[in-house]
Amino acid sequence: MLEQGLSCINPFSGVYLHSDNSPKKRKPIATNNIKAIQTMCIEVDDDLRHLVLLISDTGMRLSEATGLMISEINLDCDYPHIVLAPYPHRSLKTLSSERIIPLVGQSLWATRRIIETTESLYCFPRYTI
């Protein structure tokens, strides 16, 4: 109104918007729900379900998992793990996002299946090519 030199009354001048700056607490998914989803993913056993299983036991971000390369998975060692590092096709959210992620439970099963079934350099080529 000031820019255009208008002298009308602003209809929003009396509107109050509550500013709740307190952080919202996210509730975790119930363990029994996670286990049920994992069971269904194993039954279907395809790349999309491998992705869900990978995320479910590692806490990886979806973007980290979809850009994962086969070379980042280390299964032939005492403690199977993923070495997550930035690549040109996948940046990481923060500097501390570069990390070693242990593979346990269903994420270990999923990474074995990924290696057995993927012919690409990428674990999920549909998202990186």
C-alpha atoms as a PDB file:
ATOM      1  CA  MET A   1       0.000   0.000   0.000  1.00  0.00           C
ATOM      2  CA  LEU A   2       2.843   2.376   0.815  1.00  0.00           C
ATOM      3  CA  GLU A   3       4.655   1.561  -2.417  1.00  0.00           C
ATOM      4  CA  GLN A   4       1.562   2.322  -4.500  1.00  0.00           C
ATOM      5  CA  GLY A   5       0.490   5.337  -2.422  1.00  0.00           C
ATOM      6  CA  LEU A   6      -2.836   3.781  -1.464  1.00  0.00           C
ATOM      7  CA  SER A   7      -4.718   5.183   1.505  1.00  0.00           C
ATOM      8  CA  CYS A   8      -7.082   2.275   2.099  1.00  0.00           C
ATOM      9  CA  ILE A   9      -7.361   0.331   5.343  1.00  0.00           C
ATOM     10  CA  ASN A  10      -5.426  -2.945   5.509  1.00  0.00           C
ATOM     11  CA  PRO A  11      -7.949  -5.713   6.276  1.00  0.00           C
ATOM     12  CA  PHE A  12      -5.213  -7.778   7.928  1.00  0.00           C
ATOM     13  CA  SER A  13      -4.033  -5.077  10.333  1.00  0.00           C
ATOM     14  CA  GLY A  14      -5.930  -6.545  13.312  1.00  0.00           C
ATOM     15  CA  VAL A  15      -5.109 -10.179  12.656  1.00  0.00           C
ATOM     16  CA  TYR A  16      -3.024 -11.837  15.362  1.00  0.00           C
ATOM     17  CA  LEU A  17      -0.956 -14.887  14.503  1.00  0.00           C
ATOM     18  CA  HIS A  18       0.309 -16.825  17.485  1.00  0.00           C
ATOM     19  CA  SER A  19       4.068 -17.325  17.244  1.00  0.00           C
ATOM     20  CA  ASP A  20       4.890 -20.616  18.876  1.00  0.00           C
ATOM     21  CA  ASN A  21       8.630 -20.880  18.440  1.00  0.00           C
ATOM     22  CA  SER A  22       9.023 -23.952  20.617  1.00  0.00           C
ATOM     23  CA  PRO A  23      10.407 -26.922  18.687  1.00  0.00           C
ATOM     24  CA  LYS A  24       7.911 -29.607  17.813  1.00  0.00           C
ATOM     25  CA  LYS A  25       8.746 -32.989  19.311  1.00  0.00           C
ATOM     26  CA  ARG A  26       8.457 -35.816  16.833  1.00  0.00           C
ATOM     27  CA  LYS A  27       7.292 -39.067  18.277  1.00  0.00           C
ATOM     28  CA  PRO A  28       9.204 -42.192  17.254  1.00  0.00           C
ATOM     29  CA  ILE A  29       7.509 -44.912  15.256  1.00  0.00           C
ATOM     30  CA  ALA A  30       6.421 -47.734  17.555  1.00  0.00           C
ATOM     31  CA  THR A  31       8.804 -50.711  17.513  1.00  0.00           C
ATOM     32  CA  ASN A  32       6.027 -53.174  16.701  1.00  0.00           C
ATOM     33  CA  ASN A  33       5.092 -51.077  13.640  1.00  0.00           C
ATOM     34  CA  ILE A  34       8.710 -51.014  12.464  1.00  0.00           C
ATOM     35  CA  LYS A  35       8.984 -54.787  12.844  1.00  0.00           C
ATOM     36  CA  ALA A  36       5.714 -55.338  10.933  1.00  0.00           C
ATOM     37  CA  ILE A  37       6.934 -53.109   8.084  1.00  0.00           C
ATOM     38  CA  GLN A  38      10.289 -54.901   8.035  1.00  0.00           C
ATOM     39  CA  THR A  39       8.574 -58.287   7.815  1.00  0.00           C
ATOM     40  CA  MET A  40       6.472 -57.143   4.860  1.00  0.00           C
ATOM     41  CA  CYS A  41       9.550 -55.696   3.144  1.00  0.00           C
ATOM     42  CA  ILE A  42      11.390 -59.014   3.419  1.00  0.00           C
ATOM     43  CA  GLU A  43       8.409 -60.830   1.937  1.00  0.00           C
ATOM     44  CA  VAL A  44       8.277 -58.535  -1.109  1.00  0.00           C
ATOM     45  CA  ASP A  45      12.101 -58.410  -1.445  1.00  0.00           C
ATOM     46  CA  ASP A  46      12.579 -55.752  -4.129  1.00  0.00           C
ATOM     47  CA  ASP A  47      14.760 -52.654  -4.372  1.00  0.00           C
ATOM     48  CA  LEU A  48      12.179 -50.304  -2.863  1.00  0.00           C
ATOM     49  CA  ARG A  49      11.748 -52.547   0.164  1.00  0.00           C
ATOM     50  CA  HIS A  50      15.542 -52.848   0.458  1.00  0.00           C
ATOM     51  CA  LEU A  51      15.629 -49.066   0.695  1.00  0.00           C
ATOM     52  CA  VAL A  52      13.032 -49.044   3.494  1.00  0.00           C
ATOM     53  CA  LEU A  53      14.928 -51.760   5.391  1.00  0.00           C
ATOM     54  CA  LEU A  54      18.208 -49.901   4.998  1.00  0.00           C
ATOM     55  CA  ILE A  55      16.734 -46.744   6.475  1.00  0.00           C
ATOM     56  CA  SER A  56      14.793 -48.543   9.211  1.00  0.00           C
ATOM     57  CA  ASP A  57      17.852 -49.879  11.054  1.00  0.00           C
ATOM     58  CA  THR A  58      20.500 -47.285  10.204  1.00  0.00           C
ATOM     59  CA  GLY A  59      18.760 -43.949  10.658  1.00  0.00           C
ATOM     60  CA  MET A  60      20.140 -42.795   7.307  1.00  0.00           C
ATOM     61  CA  ARG A  61      18.389 -39.923   5.586  1.00  0.00           C
ATOM     62  CA  LEU A  62      16.432 -40.892   2.488  1.00  0.00           C
ATOM     63  CA  SER A  63      18.734 -38.823   0.253  1.00  0.00           C
ATOM     64  CA  GLU A  64      21.792 -40.526   1.750  1.00  0.00           C
ATOM     65  CA  ALA A  65      20.362 -43.980   1.124  1.00  0.00           C
ATOM     66  CA  THR A  66      19.082 -43.351  -2.397  1.00  0.00           C
ATOM     67  CA  GLY A  67      22.481 -42.049  -3.488  1.00  0.00           C
ATOM     68  CA  LEU A  68      24.404 -44.899  -1.847  1.00  0.00           C
ATOM     69  CA  MET A  69      27.093 -46.595  -3.899  1.00  0.00           C
ATOM     70  CA  ILE A  70      27.978 -50.289  -3.708  1.00  0.00           C
ATOM     71  CA  SER A  71      31.576 -49.278  -2.933  1.00  0.00           C
ATOM     72  CA  GLU A  72      30.415 -47.603   0.302  1.00  0.00           C
ATOM     73  CA  ILE A  73      29.157 -50.913   1.707  1.00  0.00           C
ATOM     74  CA  ASN A  74      31.699 -53.006   3.605  1.00  0.00           C
ATOM     75  CA  LEU A  75      30.444 -56.487   4.483  1.00  0.00           C
ATOM     76  CA  ASP A  76      33.715 -58.454   4.480  1.00  0.00           C
ATOM     77  CA  CYS A  77      34.940 -57.299   7.871  1.00  0.00           C
ATOM     78  CA  ASP A  78      34.347 -57.974  11.558  1.00  0.00           C
ATOM     79  CA  TYR A  79      31.770 -55.184  11.763  1.00  0.00           C
ATOM     80  CA  PRO A  80      29.788 -54.684   8.536  1.00  0.00           C
ATOM     81  CA  HIS A  81      29.265 -51.001   7.878  1.00  0.00           C
ATOM     82  CA  ILE A  82      28.675 -48.215   5.384  1.00  0.00           C
ATOM     83  CA  VAL A  83      31.249 -45.460   4.934  1.00  0.00           C
ATOM     84  CA  LEU A  84      29.092 -42.469   4.065  1.00  0.00           C
ATOM     85  CA  ALA A  85      30.938 -39.660   2.288  1.00  0.00           C
ATOM     86  CA  PRO A  86      29.895 -36.867  -0.082  1.00  0.00           C
ATOM     87  CA  TYR A  87      30.024 -37.521  -3.837  1.00  0.00           C
ATOM     88  CA  PRO A  88      29.255 -35.292  -6.824  1.00  0.00           C
ATOM     89  CA  HIS A  89      25.899 -37.057  -7.246  1.00  0.00           C
ATOM     90  CA  ARG A  90      25.042 -36.888  -3.537  1.00  0.00           C
ATOM     91  CA  SER A  91      25.942 -34.144  -1.130  1.00  0.00           C
ATOM     92  CA  LEU A  92      25.518 -34.544   2.595  1.00  0.00           C
ATOM     93  CA  LYS A  93      23.406 -32.257   4.752  1.00  0.00           C
ATOM     94  CA  THR A  94      26.198 -31.253   7.146  1.00  0.00           C
ATOM     95  CA  LEU A  95      29.907 -31.895   7.618  1.00  0.00           C
ATOM     96  CA  SER A  96      29.111 -34.253  10.492  1.00  0.00           C
ATOM     97  CA  SER A  97      26.916 -36.325   8.154  1.00  0.00           C
ATOM     98  CA  GLU A  98      30.093 -37.955   6.859  1.00  0.00           C
ATOM     99  CA  ARG A  99      30.260 -41.045   9.058  1.00  0.00           C
ATOM    100  CA  ILE A 100      30.557 -44.785   9.444  1.00  0.00           C
ATOM    101  CA  ILE A 101      27.178 -46.488   9.853  1.00  0.00           C
ATOM    102  CA  PRO A 102      27.100 -49.987  11.361  1.00  0.00           C
ATOM    103  CA  LEU A 103      24.915 -52.525   9.586  1.00  0.00           C
ATOM    104  CA  VAL A 104      22.737 -54.552  11.936  1.00  0.00           C
ATOM    105  CA  GLY A 105      19.433 -56.375  11.786  1.00  0.00           C
ATOM    106  CA  GLN A 106      17.400 -55.808   8.657  1.00  0.00           C
ATOM    107  CA  SER A 107      19.775 -53.197   7.230  1.00  0.00           C
ATOM    108  CA  LEU A 108      22.463 -55.877   7.066  1.00  0.00           C
ATOM    109  CA  TRP A 109      20.059 -58.250   5.322  1.00  0.00           C
ATOM    110  CA  ALA A 110      19.046 -55.479   2.888  1.00  0.00           C
ATOM    111  CA  THR A 111      22.628 -54.549   1.977  1.00  0.00           C
ATOM    112  CA  ARG A 112      23.424 -58.194   1.252  1.00  0.00           C
ATOM    113  CA  ARG A 113      20.393 -58.372  -1.039  1.00  0.00           C
ATOM    114  CA  ILE A 114      21.355 -55.074  -2.683  1.00  0.00           C
ATOM    115  CA  ILE A 115      24.803 -56.420  -3.515  1.00  0.00           C
ATOM    116  CA  GLU A 116      23.333 -59.714  -4.773  1.00  0.00           C
ATOM    117  CA  THR A 117      20.709 -58.106  -7.011  1.00  0.00           C
ATOM    118  CA  THR A 118      22.203 -54.821  -8.251  1.00  0.00           C
ATOM    119  CA  GLU A 119      24.316 -54.662 -11.397  1.00  0.00           C
ATOM    120  CA  SER A 120      25.028 -50.949 -11.094  1.00  0.00           C
ATOM    121  CA  LEU A 121      27.641 -48.931  -9.217  1.00  0.00           C
ATOM    122  CA  TYR A 122      24.708 -47.457  -7.320  1.00  0.00           C
ATOM    123  CA  CYS A 123      22.556 -49.329  -4.832  1.00  0.00           C
ATOM    124  CA  PHE A 124      19.406 -47.674  -6.167  1.00  0.00           C
ATOM    125  CA  PRO A 125      20.155 -46.726  -9.781  1.00  0.00           C
ATOM    126  CA  ARG A 126      16.586 -45.560 -10.478  1.00  0.00           C
ATOM    127  CA  TYR A 127      17.327 -42.558  -8.245  1.00  0.00           C
ATOM    128  CA  THR A 128      20.845 -41.732  -9.420  1.00  0.00           C
ATOM    129  CA  ILE A 129      20.825 -42.184 -13.174  1.00  0.00           C
END
